[in-house]
Amino acid sequence: MASNQLTEVNGVVLEALPNTQFRVKLEDGREILAHLGGKMRLYHIRVMPGDEVKLQLSAYDNKGRITFRMK
């Protein structure tokens, strides 16, 4: 997928689910399902409930990819 079709948004992790998936509440109030991006898996970046994260959302569905964890 081309990077121009992805939108970046911020959110807060609500719940950690199996298989490195997370339920995330976005700034606009929506709740989506998100998974960890490749570099975050590669470097074992830990994401816990309550963490603020940056996500990339597809224009086609309501799933996202977590790309950055803010401190």
Protein backbone atom coordinates (compact mmCIF):
# COMPACT_ATOMS: atom_id res chain seq x y z
CA MET A 1 0.00 0.00 0.00
CA ALA A 2 1.37 3.41 -0.88
CA SER A 3 2.25 5.65 2.02
CA ASN A 4 0.06 8.47 0.68
CA GLN A 5 -3.04 6.32 1.35
CA LEU A 6 -2.21 6.04 5.06
CA THR A 7 -3.18 8.66 7.63
CA GLU A 8 -1.30 9.17 10.89
CA VAL A 9 -3.27 9.64 14.09
CA ASN A 10 -2.56 9.54 17.82
CA GLY A 11 -4.30 7.32 20.34
CA VAL A 12 -4.14 5.64 23.73
CA VAL A 13 -3.87 1.88 24.20
CA LEU A 14 -6.87 0.56 26.14
CA GLU A 15 -6.27 -3.18 26.12
CA ALA A 16 -3.57 -5.64 25.12
CA LEU A 17 -4.89 -8.62 23.16
CA PRO A 18 -3.16 -11.85 22.05
CA ASN A 19 -0.81 -11.93 19.07
CA THR A 20 0.53 -8.37 19.62
CA GLN A 21 -2.79 -6.75 18.89
CA PHE A 22 -4.22 -3.84 20.85
CA ARG A 23 -7.51 -2.02 21.29
CA VAL A 24 -6.74 1.70 20.83
CA LYS A 25 -8.90 4.77 21.47
CA LEU A 26 -8.19 7.49 18.91
CA GLU A 27 -8.23 11.23 19.54
CA ASP A 28 -11.60 11.56 17.81
CA GLY A 29 -13.20 9.02 20.17
CA ARG A 30 -13.25 5.93 17.92
CA GLU A 31 -11.93 2.59 19.15
CA ILE A 32 -10.01 0.45 16.68
CA LEU A 33 -7.96 -2.73 16.58
CA ALA A 34 -4.24 -2.22 15.90
CA HIS A 35 -1.15 -4.37 15.58
CA LEU A 36 2.54 -3.59 16.08
CA GLY A 37 4.58 -2.40 13.13
CA GLY A 38 7.56 -4.42 11.92
CA LYS A 39 10.37 -2.37 13.49
CA MET A 40 8.58 -2.36 16.85
CA ARG A 41 8.41 -6.16 16.77
CA LEU A 42 12.01 -6.42 15.59
CA TYR A 43 13.38 -4.28 18.44
CA HIS A 44 10.96 -5.69 21.07
CA ILE A 45 9.36 -2.32 21.89
CA ARG A 46 6.88 -2.95 24.70
CA VAL A 47 3.44 -1.38 24.49
CA MET A 48 1.26 -1.44 27.60
CA PRO A 49 -2.30 -0.26 28.28
CA GLY A 50 -2.24 3.48 28.95
CA ASP A 51 0.60 4.22 26.52
CA GLU A 52 0.17 6.98 23.97
CA VAL A 53 0.95 5.73 20.47
CA LYS A 54 1.12 6.98 16.91
CA LEU A 55 -0.77 4.87 14.36
CA GLN A 56 -1.11 4.59 10.62
CA LEU A 57 -4.67 4.01 9.47
CA SER A 58 -5.75 2.61 6.16
CA ALA A 59 -8.43 4.44 4.20
CA TYR A 60 -10.19 1.12 3.49
CA ASP A 61 -10.84 -0.45 6.90
CA ASN A 62 -10.80 0.37 10.59
CA LYS A 63 -7.58 -1.42 11.52
CA GLY A 64 -4.30 0.31 12.26
CA ARG A 65 -0.56 -0.24 12.62
CA ILE A 66 1.25 1.10 15.69
CA THR A 67 4.44 2.78 14.53
CA PHE A 68 5.63 4.80 17.51
CA ARG A 69 5.22 4.78 21.31
CA MET A 70 5.37 8.19 22.96
CA LYS A 71 6.78 8.64 26.45
